Amino acid sequence: MTKDRKTVWKNAVLPSLPVLRFARRMEVKMKKIKAKKLTREAFAPFGEYYEMLDPKGYALCGQLHAFFPDRLTNTTSGAVGYSPITVKKPEKYIVDCQEYHTTTCEMILPMDDDMLLHVAEKSAGTVDNSTARAFIVPKGTLIKLAAGVWHLAPLPVNEEVIHCMIILPECTYANDCTVVNLDEKDQFEIEL
């Protein structure tokens, strides 16, 4: 007659105390993600982008200007906020917190440095960093993150501080921003 799992577990021999102490002292190896160059194919699951400092395609031209209309678009039902953010360069690029917006995309424009941006695919509010990626976004490139994509603040690549423009519907941070502090097992380090 076979025993059920509860019976087997109940009668199992547990490791001795010194082995358990050793297991607790072992460090959890942090996942590392290599930052990649931004490409349309690689970034497609997370959103889209346009290189504002090197516009291409159809333009409305005058004697002194070339206007490149509607390179990225966004729909919102109310006012749009244009918010500057400054971020200091960390000693290590450790991701221990992430956020997402359920009903809106977020646009980010790095103004004075290339930015490091980490993202993970939409996952219905449950952290799943198996899809986490990091991209090096050139200065002047407008990023449009799709609604539901995990991310957090842009990080400077070369300078000690980066200045970026964040574009979101007004008050998104008060009414459509889910922030999650990651458990140690879900944290990761980005390498350049």
Protein backbone atom coordinates (compact mmCIF):
# COMPACT_ATOMS: atom_id res chain seq x y z
CA MET A 1 0.00 0.00 0.00
CA THR A 2 1.46 3.40 -0.98
CA LYS A 3 1.55 6.32 1.41
CA ASP A 4 0.10 9.67 0.49
CA ARG A 5 2.41 12.71 0.38
CA LYS A 6 1.32 14.04 3.78
CA THR A 7 2.27 10.76 5.42
CA VAL A 8 5.63 10.66 3.63
CA TRP A 9 6.39 14.26 4.70
CA LYS A 10 5.29 13.56 8.28
CA ASN A 11 7.68 10.63 8.51
CA ALA A 12 10.54 12.29 6.61
CA VAL A 13 13.90 12.82 8.24
CA LEU A 14 14.75 16.52 8.36
CA PRO A 15 18.32 17.77 7.87
CA SER A 16 20.34 18.37 11.00
CA LEU A 17 20.44 21.86 12.50
CA PRO A 18 23.95 22.78 11.25
CA VAL A 19 22.85 22.10 7.65
CA LEU A 20 19.85 24.39 8.07
CA ARG A 21 22.05 27.17 9.47
CA PHE A 22 24.40 26.85 6.49
CA ALA A 23 21.48 27.03 4.07
CA ARG A 24 20.30 30.29 5.66
CA ARG A 25 23.78 31.84 5.32
CA MET A 26 23.96 31.12 1.58
CA GLU A 27 23.36 34.29 -0.41
CA VAL A 28 20.72 34.37 -3.09
CA LYS A 29 22.47 35.13 -6.37
CA MET A 30 20.92 38.24 -7.88
CA LYS A 31 19.73 38.03 -11.47
CA LYS A 32 21.75 40.20 -13.85
CA ILE A 33 20.44 41.77 -17.04
CA LYS A 34 22.72 43.18 -19.72
CA ALA A 35 21.50 46.53 -21.10
CA LYS A 36 20.98 46.40 -24.86
CA LYS A 37 21.02 48.98 -27.59
CA LEU A 38 17.51 50.26 -28.31
CA THR A 39 16.01 48.68 -31.46
CA ARG A 40 12.43 48.70 -32.70
CA GLU A 41 12.21 44.90 -32.77
CA ALA A 42 13.56 44.43 -29.23
CA PHE A 43 11.47 47.26 -27.76
CA ALA A 44 8.18 46.35 -29.53
CA PRO A 45 6.68 44.30 -26.63
CA PHE A 46 7.02 47.35 -24.36
CA GLY A 47 6.05 50.26 -26.60
CA GLU A 48 7.55 52.44 -29.30
CA TYR A 49 9.98 55.32 -29.71
CA TYR A 50 11.12 58.09 -32.02
CA GLU A 51 14.52 59.77 -32.30
CA MET A 52 13.58 63.44 -31.94
CA LEU A 53 17.13 64.70 -32.60
CA ASP A 54 17.37 62.79 -35.89
CA PRO A 55 13.89 63.01 -37.46
CA LYS A 56 13.22 61.09 -40.66
CA GLY A 57 10.38 60.76 -43.15
CA TYR A 58 7.78 63.16 -44.44
CA ALA A 59 8.17 66.77 -43.26
CA LEU A 60 6.35 70.05 -43.76
CA CYS A 61 9.16 72.33 -44.85
CA GLY A 62 9.59 76.06 -44.97
CA GLN A 63 12.53 78.28 -45.73
CA LEU A 64 14.00 77.81 -42.25
CA HIS A 65 12.24 74.79 -40.82
CA ALA A 66 11.32 71.15 -41.29
CA PHE A 67 8.33 70.03 -39.20
CA PHE A 68 7.85 66.26 -38.72
CA PRO A 69 4.24 65.87 -37.54
CA ASP A 70 2.74 63.16 -35.35
CA ARG A 71 5.73 60.84 -35.01
CA LEU A 72 4.28 59.43 -31.78
CA THR A 73 0.69 59.88 -30.70
CA ASN A 74 -1.23 59.34 -27.50
CA THR A 75 -4.91 59.50 -26.62
CA THR A 76 -6.17 60.80 -23.31
CA SER A 77 -9.52 61.99 -22.04
CA GLY A 78 -8.21 64.99 -20.10
CA ALA A 79 -5.28 67.26 -19.45
CA VAL A 80 -1.72 66.07 -20.03
CA GLY A 81 1.07 66.74 -17.54
CA TYR A 82 4.65 67.47 -18.59
CA SER A 83 6.80 66.73 -15.56
CA PRO A 84 10.58 67.06 -15.28
CA ILE A 85 12.43 64.38 -13.33
CA THR A 86 16.04 64.38 -12.16
CA VAL A 87 17.71 61.09 -11.24
CA LYS A 88 21.15 60.58 -9.70
CA LYS A 89 23.47 57.88 -11.01
CA PRO A 90 23.52 54.96 -8.55
CA GLU A 91 26.64 53.07 -7.58
CA LYS A 92 25.02 49.92 -9.00
CA TYR A 93 21.92 49.65 -11.17
CA ILE A 94 19.85 47.50 -8.76
CA VAL A 95 16.12 47.30 -9.53
CA ASP A 96 14.25 46.77 -6.26
CA CYS A 97 11.00 48.54 -7.13
CA GLN A 98 8.76 48.77 -10.20
CA GLU A 99 5.55 50.48 -11.26
CA TYR A 100 2.94 50.30 -13.98
CA HIS A 101 -0.08 52.29 -15.14
CA THR A 102 -3.26 50.39 -15.98
CA THR A 103 -5.04 52.81 -18.27
CA THR A 104 -2.37 54.96 -19.90
CA CYS A 105 0.96 54.87 -21.61
CA GLU A 106 3.90 56.90 -20.28
CA MET A 107 6.27 58.93 -22.39
CA ILE A 108 9.85 59.65 -21.31
CA LEU A 109 12.31 62.00 -23.03
CA PRO A 110 15.95 61.99 -21.85
CA MET A 111 17.19 65.55 -22.36
CA ASP A 112 20.85 65.69 -21.33
CA ASP A 113 22.22 62.14 -21.22
CA ASP A 114 21.55 58.69 -22.59
CA MET A 115 19.20 56.90 -20.22
CA LEU A 116 19.05 53.38 -18.92
CA LEU A 117 15.46 52.14 -18.90
CA HIS A 118 14.31 48.83 -17.48
CA VAL A 119 10.98 47.29 -18.48
CA ALA A 120 9.05 44.05 -18.08
CA GLU A 121 6.03 42.89 -20.04
CA LYS A 122 2.46 43.40 -18.88
CA SER A 123 1.49 40.76 -16.34
CA ALA A 124 -1.92 41.71 -14.92
CA GLY A 125 -0.38 43.26 -11.82
CA THR A 126 1.80 40.33 -10.83
CA VAL A 127 5.56 40.87 -10.97
CA ASP A 128 7.16 38.58 -13.56
CA ASN A 129 10.73 39.62 -14.18
CA SER A 130 11.39 36.69 -16.49
CA THR A 131 10.56 39.20 -19.27
CA ALA A 132 12.64 42.04 -17.79
CA ARG A 133 14.89 43.89 -20.23
CA ALA A 134 17.07 46.99 -20.04
CA PHE A 135 17.74 49.40 -22.88
CA ILE A 136 20.20 52.21 -23.43
CA VAL A 137 18.07 55.01 -24.84
CA PRO A 138 19.95 57.79 -26.67
CA LYS A 139 19.50 61.36 -25.46
CA GLY A 140 16.64 63.04 -27.34
CA THR A 141 14.76 59.78 -28.02
CA LEU A 142 11.10 59.91 -26.96
CA ILE A 143 9.97 56.62 -25.44
CA LYS A 144 6.29 55.62 -25.30
CA LEU A 145 5.68 52.80 -22.81
CA ALA A 146 2.48 50.83 -23.35
CA ALA A 147 -0.08 50.74 -20.53
CA GLY A 148 0.65 47.91 -18.09
CA VAL A 149 4.40 47.71 -18.82
CA TRP A 150 6.51 47.48 -15.65
CA HIS A 151 9.18 50.19 -15.32
CA LEU A 152 10.48 52.85 -12.96
CA ALA A 153 12.59 55.99 -13.18
CA PRO A 154 15.06 56.45 -16.03
CA LEU A 155 18.70 56.21 -14.95
CA PRO A 156 21.72 58.18 -16.23
CA VAL A 157 24.31 56.30 -18.29
CA ASN A 158 27.20 58.79 -18.52
CA GLU A 159 26.44 61.81 -16.32
CA GLU A 160 26.02 61.97 -12.54
CA VAL A 161 22.44 63.27 -12.95
CA ILE A 162 19.97 62.92 -15.81
CA HIS A 163 17.11 65.30 -16.58
CA CYS A 164 14.11 63.80 -18.36
CA MET A 165 10.60 64.88 -19.29
CA ILE A 166 7.80 62.56 -18.18
CA ILE A 167 4.54 62.92 -20.11
CA LEU A 168 1.39 61.43 -18.57
CA PRO A 169 -2.25 62.34 -18.15
CA GLU A 170 -2.55 64.82 -15.30
CA CYS A 171 -2.54 63.22 -11.81
CA THR A 172 -1.62 59.72 -13.05
CA TYR A 173 0.66 59.29 -10.06
CA ALA A 174 -2.32 59.82 -7.76
CA ASN A 175 -4.93 57.67 -9.52
CA ASP A 176 -3.27 55.12 -11.86
CA CYS A 177 0.12 54.14 -10.52
CA THR A 178 0.78 50.78 -8.91
CA VAL A 179 4.20 50.65 -7.25
CA VAL A 180 5.61 47.34 -6.01
CA ASN A 181 8.68 46.90 -3.81
CA LEU A 182 10.30 43.73 -5.10
CA ASP A 183 11.06 40.74 -2.91
CA GLU A 184 14.77 39.96 -2.83
CA LYS A 185 14.25 37.00 -5.18
CA ASP A 186 12.68 39.30 -7.81
CA GLN A 187 15.32 42.03 -7.70
CA PHE A 188 17.89 42.29 -10.45
CA GLU A 189 21.00 44.22 -11.42
CA ILE A 190 21.45 45.91 -14.78
CA GLU A 191 24.91 45.79 -16.32
CA LEU A 192 26.01 48.22 -19.03
